[in-house]
Protein backbone atom coordinates (compact mmCIF):
# COMPACT_ATOMS: atom_id res chain seq x y z
CA UNK A 1 -0.09 -0.15 0.13
CA UNK A 2 1.17 3.52 -0.66
CA UNK A 3 1.13 6.00 2.29
CA UNK A 4 1.55 8.81 -0.27
CA UNK A 5 -0.39 9.37 -3.60
CA UNK A 6 -3.87 7.91 -4.10
CA UNK A 7 -4.94 4.40 -3.16
CA UNK A 8 -8.26 2.97 -4.06
CA UNK A 9 -10.27 -0.02 -3.43
CA UNK A 10 -13.64 0.65 -4.85
CA UNK A 11 -16.97 -1.13 -4.71
CA UNK A 12 -20.05 0.01 -6.29
CA UNK A 13 -23.18 -1.56 -8.27
CA UNK A 14 -25.29 0.04 -10.79
CA UNK A 15 -28.18 -1.78 -12.47
CA UNK A 16 -26.36 -4.76 -14.00
CA UNK A 17 -22.87 -3.43 -13.82
CA UNK A 18 -20.33 -3.96 -11.05
CA UNK A 19 -17.12 -2.14 -10.24
CA UNK A 20 -14.87 -3.79 -7.89
CA UNK A 21 -11.26 -2.00 -8.59
CA UNK A 22 -8.07 -1.78 -6.78
CA UNK A 23 -5.05 0.21 -7.93
CA UNK A 24 -2.86 3.06 -6.34
CA UNK A 25 -1.05 6.19 -7.82
CA UNK A 26 2.02 7.39 -6.51
CA UNK A 27 2.62 11.17 -5.47
CA UNK A 28 3.18 13.24 -8.47
CA UNK A 29 2.29 10.50 -11.26
CA UNK A 30 0.26 10.85 -14.34
CA UNK A 31 -1.62 7.53 -14.43
CA UNK A 32 -3.88 6.82 -17.39
CA UNK A 33 -7.01 4.98 -16.93
CA UNK A 34 -7.70 2.84 -20.05
CA UNK A 35 -10.19 0.17 -21.04
CA UNK A 36 -12.98 -0.80 -23.42
CA UNK A 37 -16.12 1.25 -23.41
CA UNK A 38 -18.41 0.32 -20.22
CA UNK A 39 -15.50 -0.94 -18.09
CA UNK A 40 -15.84 1.54 -15.55
CA UNK A 41 -13.37 4.33 -16.25
CA UNK A 42 -15.54 7.12 -15.69
CA UNK A 43 -17.60 5.65 -13.16
CA UNK A 44 -14.29 5.44 -10.90
CA UNK A 45 -13.50 8.90 -11.48
CA UNK A 46 -16.91 9.89 -10.14
CA UNK A 47 -16.56 7.71 -7.07
CA UNK A 48 -13.19 9.61 -6.20
CA UNK A 49 -14.56 12.83 -6.79
CA UNK A 50 -17.50 12.02 -4.65
CA UNK A 51 -19.90 12.41 -7.32
CA UNK A 52 -21.13 8.97 -6.91
CA UNK A 53 -21.42 7.08 -3.41
CA UNK A 54 -18.90 4.27 -2.76
CA UNK A 55 -20.75 1.32 -1.43
CA UNK A 56 -17.80 -0.54 0.02
CA UNK A 57 -14.00 -0.27 -0.10
CA UNK A 58 -12.10 2.97 0.72
CA UNK A 59 -10.23 6.03 -1.07
CA UNK A 60 -7.18 7.17 0.56
CA UNK A 61 -5.57 10.60 -0.70
CA UNK A 62 -2.18 11.42 1.17
CA UNK A 63 -2.93 9.07 3.79
CA UNK A 64 -6.39 10.76 4.43
CA UNK A 65 -9.49 8.59 3.90
CA UNK A 66 -11.96 10.21 1.70
CA UNK A 67 -15.03 7.72 2.08
CA UNK A 68 -16.74 10.07 4.12
CA UNK A 69 -15.56 13.18 3.06
CA UNK A 70 -17.95 15.95 1.17
CA UNK A 71 -17.13 16.56 -2.38
CA UNK A 72 -15.99 20.29 -1.70
CA UNK A 73 -13.70 19.03 0.89
CA UNK A 74 -11.76 16.34 -1.10
CA UNK A 75 -9.20 18.99 -2.47
CA UNK A 76 -9.66 17.05 -6.02
CA UNK A 77 -10.32 18.92 -9.26
CA UNK A 78 -11.67 17.48 -12.35
CA UNK A 79 -12.21 18.31 -15.85
CA UNK A 80 -14.95 16.86 -18.11
CA UNK A 81 -15.01 16.25 -21.78
CA UNK A 82 -17.20 19.27 -21.68
CA UNK A 83 -15.03 22.58 -21.25
CA UNK A 84 -18.22 24.06 -19.01
CA UNK A 85 -16.73 27.52 -18.99
CA UNK A 86 -19.01 30.31 -17.93
CA UNK A 87 -20.01 32.26 -21.03
CA UNK A 88 -20.35 35.69 -19.11
CA UNK A 89 -16.79 35.55 -17.68
CA UNK A 90 -13.81 36.36 -19.13
CA UNK A 91 -10.96 33.96 -19.32
CA UNK A 92 -9.18 35.00 -16.28
CA UNK A 93 -12.53 35.25 -14.24
CA UNK A 94 -13.34 31.76 -15.06
CA UNK A 95 -10.03 30.60 -13.99
CA UNK A 96 -10.13 32.60 -10.79
CA UNK A 97 -13.50 31.37 -10.15
CA UNK A 98 -12.58 28.58 -7.61
CA UNK A 99 -10.68 30.97 -5.83
CA UNK A 100 -13.26 33.47 -5.53
CA UNK A 101 -15.84 30.93 -3.86
CA UNK A 102 -12.90 30.21 -1.31
CA UNK A 103 -12.67 33.97 -0.45
CA UNK A 104 -9.41 34.55 -2.06
CA UNK A 105 -8.71 38.29 -2.39
CA UNK A 106 -8.85 39.88 -5.71
CA UNK A 107 -5.40 40.84 -6.28
CA UNK A 108 -4.16 37.33 -5.44
CA UNK A 109 -6.96 35.80 -7.59
CA UNK A 110 -5.60 38.03 -10.73
CA UNK A 111 -2.27 37.19 -9.98
CA UNK A 112 -2.82 33.42 -9.55
CA UNK A 113 -4.55 33.64 -12.87
CA UNK A 114 -1.91 35.40 -14.95
CA UNK A 115 0.44 32.57 -13.63
CA UNK A 116 -1.80 29.88 -14.89
CA UNK A 117 -2.19 31.59 -18.03
CA UNK A 118 1.55 31.44 -18.24
CA UNK A 119 1.39 27.68 -17.67
CA UNK A 120 -1.24 26.96 -20.13
CA UNK A 121 0.65 29.13 -22.71
CA UNK A 122 -2.34 31.52 -22.92
CA UNK A 123 -0.59 34.55 -21.75
CA UNK A 124 -2.47 37.55 -22.56
CA UNK A 125 -5.82 35.90 -23.22
CA UNK A 126 -7.29 37.02 -19.76
CA UNK A 127 -9.51 39.52 -21.09
CA UNK A 128 -11.17 37.44 -23.96
CA UNK A 129 -14.47 35.82 -23.67
CA UNK A 130 -14.65 31.98 -23.58
CA UNK A 131 -16.87 31.99 -26.64
CA UNK A 132 -14.17 33.97 -28.74
CA UNK A 133 -11.68 30.70 -28.01
CA UNK A 134 -10.82 27.55 -30.03
CA UNK A 135 -11.66 24.05 -28.46
CA UNK A 136 -8.12 23.41 -27.86
CA UNK A 137 -7.78 26.85 -26.27
CA UNK A 138 -11.12 26.44 -24.09
CA UNK A 139 -9.71 22.86 -22.84
CA UNK A 140 -6.34 24.62 -21.51
CA UNK A 141 -8.54 27.34 -19.63
CA UNK A 142 -10.50 24.44 -18.13
CA UNK A 143 -7.23 22.61 -17.03
CA UNK A 144 -6.00 26.08 -15.54
CA UNK A 145 -9.50 26.79 -13.81
CA UNK A 146 -8.98 22.92 -12.36
CA UNK A 147 -5.56 23.86 -11.07
CA UNK A 148 -6.70 27.22 -9.71
CA UNK A 149 -7.95 25.53 -6.34
CA UNK A 150 -4.31 23.96 -5.60
CA UNK A 151 -5.82 20.27 -5.69
CA UNK A 152 -3.87 17.59 -4.46
CA UNK A 153 -5.48 15.10 -7.11
CA UNK A 154 -6.55 16.26 -10.60
CA UNK A 155 -8.90 13.85 -12.79
CA UNK A 156 -9.31 14.32 -16.24
CA UNK A 157 -12.16 12.44 -18.06
CA UNK A 158 -11.25 12.15 -21.80
CA UNK A 159 -10.57 15.74 -21.96
CA UNK A 160 -9.53 15.66 -25.37
CA UNK A 161 -12.03 13.35 -27.05
CA UNK A 162 -13.89 16.57 -28.93
CA UNK A 163 -10.86 17.80 -30.82
CA UNK A 164 -9.21 16.44 -34.05
CA UNK A 165 -6.42 14.22 -34.37
CA UNK A 166 -3.56 16.72 -34.87
CA UNK A 167 -4.98 18.89 -32.13
CA UNK A 168 -5.15 16.01 -29.54
CA UNK A 169 -1.42 15.26 -30.39
CA UNK A 170 -0.40 18.51 -29.65
CA UNK A 171 -2.33 18.96 -26.40
CA UNK A 172 -1.61 15.59 -25.10
CA UNK A 173 2.04 16.69 -25.14
CA UNK A 174 0.95 20.05 -23.52
CA UNK A 175 -0.70 18.32 -20.73
CA UNK A 176 1.99 16.44 -19.78
CA UNK A 177 4.52 19.35 -19.86
CA UNK A 178 2.14 21.28 -17.38
CA UNK A 179 1.67 17.93 -15.61
CA UNK A 180 5.59 18.09 -15.00
CA UNK A 181 5.92 21.82 -14.17
CA UNK A 182 2.75 21.77 -11.54
CA UNK A 183 3.70 18.37 -10.08
CA UNK A 184 0.31 17.53 -9.21
CA UNK A 185 -0.96 13.70 -8.93
CA UNK A 186 -3.08 13.18 -11.77
CA UNK A 187 -5.38 10.34 -12.84
CA UNK A 188 -6.57 10.58 -16.72
CA UNK A 189 -9.07 8.64 -18.26
CA UNK A 190 -8.70 8.12 -22.12
CA UNK A 191 -9.83 5.83 -24.93
CA UNK A 192 -6.77 6.77 -26.80
CA UNK A 193 -4.00 4.04 -26.62
CA UNK A 194 -1.70 6.01 -28.26
CA UNK A 195 -2.57 9.16 -26.01
CA UNK A 196 -2.04 6.87 -22.84
CA UNK A 197 1.30 5.30 -23.98
CA UNK A 198 2.84 8.61 -24.96
CA UNK A 199 2.24 10.46 -21.83
CA UNK A 200 1.62 7.95 -18.84
CA UNK A 201 3.72 7.35 -16.00
CA UNK A 202 1.39 4.65 -15.26
CA UNK A 203 -1.02 2.43 -17.02
CA UNK A 204 -4.10 1.20 -15.41
CA UNK A 205 -6.13 -1.26 -17.47
CA UNK A 206 -9.63 -1.93 -16.46
CA UNK A 207 -12.28 -4.71 -17.90
CA UNK A 208 -15.70 -5.40 -16.77
CA UNK A 209 -15.17 -3.31 -13.66
CA UNK A 210 -11.94 -4.45 -12.55
CA UNK A 211 -8.08 -3.50 -12.98
CA UNK A 212 -6.38 -6.35 -14.66
CA UNK A 213 -3.01 -4.96 -15.05
CA UNK A 214 -1.13 -1.78 -13.58
CA UNK A 215 2.39 -0.73 -14.67
CA UNK A 216 4.72 1.66 -16.56
CA UNK A 217 3.42 1.90 -20.19
CA UNK A 218 6.63 -0.37 -21.25
CA UNK A 219 5.79 -2.83 -18.66
CA UNK A 220 2.35 -3.38 -19.85
CA UNK A 221 2.95 -3.11 -23.64
CA UNK A 222 5.91 -5.37 -23.47
CA UNK A 223 5.08 -7.66 -20.69
CA UNK A 224 1.18 -7.92 -20.50
CA UNK A 225 -0.11 -10.48 -18.27
CA UNK A 226 -3.19 -11.65 -20.24
CA UNK A 227 -4.02 -12.01 -23.75
CA UNK A 228 -6.83 -9.61 -23.24
CA UNK A 229 -4.26 -6.81 -22.27
CA UNK A 230 -1.65 -7.56 -25.05
CA UNK A 231 -4.65 -7.42 -27.77
CA UNK A 232 -6.06 -4.22 -26.17
CA UNK A 233 -2.88 -2.28 -25.75
CA UNK A 234 -1.23 -1.78 -29.39
CA UNK A 235 -1.62 -3.96 -32.36
CA UNK A 236 -0.49 -7.50 -32.38
CA UNK A 237 -0.55 -11.02 -33.98
CA UNK A 238 -2.11 -13.86 -32.35
CA UNK A 239 -1.73 -17.63 -33.42
CA UNK A 240 -2.36 -21.09 -31.89
CA UNK A 241 0.22 -22.39 -30.21
CA UNK A 242 0.50 -25.39 -32.59
CA UNK A 243 2.21 -23.27 -35.28
CA UNK A 244 5.51 -23.95 -32.70
CA UNK A 245 6.42 -27.49 -33.74
CA UNK A 246 7.73 -28.22 -30.03
CA UNK A 247 4.49 -27.16 -28.75
CA UNK A 248 2.19 -29.51 -27.01
CA UNK A 249 -0.69 -27.32 -25.86
CA UNK A 250 -4.20 -27.59 -25.54
CA UNK A 251 -6.84 -26.06 -27.77
CA UNK A 252 -6.80 -22.49 -25.92
CA UNK A 253 -3.49 -21.72 -25.98
CA UNK A 254 -2.19 -19.05 -28.13
CA UNK A 255 0.85 -17.25 -28.85
CA UNK A 256 1.58 -13.51 -29.38
CA UNK A 257 3.99 -11.20 -30.45
CA UNK A 258 4.03 -7.58 -31.86
CA UNK A 259 4.23 -6.53 -35.62
CA UNK A 260 7.44 -4.61 -35.30
CA UNK A 261 9.19 -7.91 -33.80
CA UNK A 262 8.55 -9.58 -37.17
CA UNK A 263 11.31 -9.77 -39.39
CA UNK A 264 10.59 -9.29 -43.17
CA UNK A 265 13.14 -11.44 -45.50
CA UNK A 266 13.01 -10.71 -49.35
CA UNK A 267 15.22 -13.96 -49.63
CA UNK A 268 15.92 -16.83 -47.46
CA UNK A 269 15.60 -16.45 -43.69
CA UNK A 270 19.00 -18.14 -42.84
CA UNK A 271 20.35 -18.94 -39.71
CA UNK A 272 20.34 -16.53 -36.40
CA UNK A 273 18.89 -16.66 -33.08
CA UNK A 274 16.24 -19.05 -32.55
CA UNK A 275 13.22 -18.25 -34.25
CA UNK A 276 9.62 -19.13 -35.65
CA UNK A 277 9.65 -19.09 -39.55
CA UNK A 278 6.65 -18.18 -41.65
CA UNK A 279 7.99 -18.86 -45.31
CA UNK A 280 6.21 -17.87 -48.17
CA UNK A 281 3.69 -15.57 -46.32
CA UNK A 282 1.22 -13.78 -48.91
CA UNK A 283 0.92 -10.16 -49.18
CA UNK A 284 -2.82 -9.23 -49.34
CA UNK A 285 -2.42 -5.42 -48.59
CA UNK A 286 0.03 -2.85 -47.84
CA UNK A 287 -0.46 0.46 -46.50
CA UNK A 288 1.72 3.70 -46.06
CA UNK A 289 1.54 4.77 -42.57
CA UNK A 290 3.81 7.55 -42.22
CA UNK A 291 7.78 6.61 -42.11
CA UNK A 292 6.98 3.05 -42.80
CA UNK A 293 4.60 0.55 -44.37
CA UNK A 294 2.17 -1.77 -42.82
CA UNK A 295 1.78 -5.06 -44.23
CA UNK A 296 -1.11 -7.61 -43.82
CA UNK A 297 0.28 -11.13 -45.04
CA UNK A 298 -1.32 -14.44 -44.75
CA UNK A 299 0.41 -17.67 -43.87
CA UNK A 300 -1.49 -21.05 -43.83
CA UNK A 301 -4.94 -19.27 -42.94
CA UNK A 302 -3.42 -17.03 -40.32
CA UNK A 303 -3.30 -13.24 -41.00
CA UNK A 304 0.37 -11.82 -39.75
CA UNK A 305 0.82 -7.91 -39.50
CA UNK A 306 4.27 -6.65 -39.60
CA UNK A 307 6.11 -3.24 -41.11
CA UNK A 308 8.25 -2.39 -43.53
CA UNK A 309 10.84 0.60 -44.14
CA UNK A 310 9.82 0.52 -47.79
CA UNK A 311 7.12 -0.85 -50.17
CA UNK A 312 7.11 -4.61 -51.10
CA UNK A 313 7.51 -5.04 -54.63
CA UNK A 314 6.70 -9.07 -54.49
CA UNK A 315 3.35 -11.11 -53.74
CA UNK A 316 5.34 -13.37 -51.12
CA UNK A 317 7.74 -13.04 -48.31
CA UNK A 318 9.27 -15.02 -45.85
CA UNK A 319 8.76 -14.01 -42.16
CA UNK A 320 10.38 -14.58 -39.00
CA UNK A 321 9.99 -13.85 -35.20
CA UNK A 322 12.64 -14.63 -32.50
CA UNK A 323 11.40 -17.03 -29.79
CA UNK A 324 12.20 -14.53 -27.23
CA UNK A 325 9.84 -12.25 -28.50
CA UNK A 326 6.76 -14.83 -28.59
CA UNK A 327 4.41 -14.56 -25.70
CA UNK A 328 2.29 -17.26 -24.67
CA UNK A 329 -1.22 -17.17 -23.16
CA UNK A 330 -4.08 -19.49 -22.08
CA UNK A 331 -6.70 -17.65 -24.05
CA UNK A 332 -9.76 -18.92 -21.77
CA UNK A 333 -8.24 -17.12 -18.95
CA UNK A 334 -7.68 -13.75 -20.36
């Protein structure tokens, strides 16, 4: 258990959905909560913030039990998908509003609002109306307003989902920069796996109301603990384990490997480290995805995805994967 940061053991039921999730976020970490739609990600944030009642378990933030603490006393700020800015207020007034509620003096509110505008790269925007801002600018203002209350924990519920792909890519890096400068413990819900992998200190993977794996992005990507996690995070190839001649596994055993671990051979495979060969794989499709080509091939009835630095001008390829890059799972227990 962590005596610093956020420690959760959450139990709640709604209609036919049951959530029973346990996880921890260390002080100063940016943790991303990911999982399929309906797995309980947003519900988890609502329970932590106090907007939904906790039926069982506990929520501890920096050693304090929050289970019986009122919402406005939890020192938690939350940014939703909708920006929820006050249209009748200026940008600076929107940011300063949490401080105004707490009775902070006007001069202090103004100074802090200016600091936060600098932090979110919107210096000089204080007098603008919120309806004059772009979607990305509104999201930055919403983030600055959340930070204005000096929370111990920041909760972000898919804050970039309404933005276009290019702007999302830019703003997720801005969120990482702002997090690093502010140093605030953050729990970030997203459906975008690339987003999570690129900015998270910790990934928390949920399925059916439970946490199924938690670890660094590198740990979860390279050493998934189940076939579900392996296939949910990033792209991969799944084949029956019987394709390995030495395997004597049951019908539910599968092997898994990443496309980037597949070697493409235009000629003979030759001898190198212990490997699994897929000779004469038929190229069904190749797509340029920026900087490399994604190849969809077919080998003995199985689809194998791999990458190539240049376009392939042949209809068949020899492929191989090092044995050390192959993971094995019991698919039935995934």
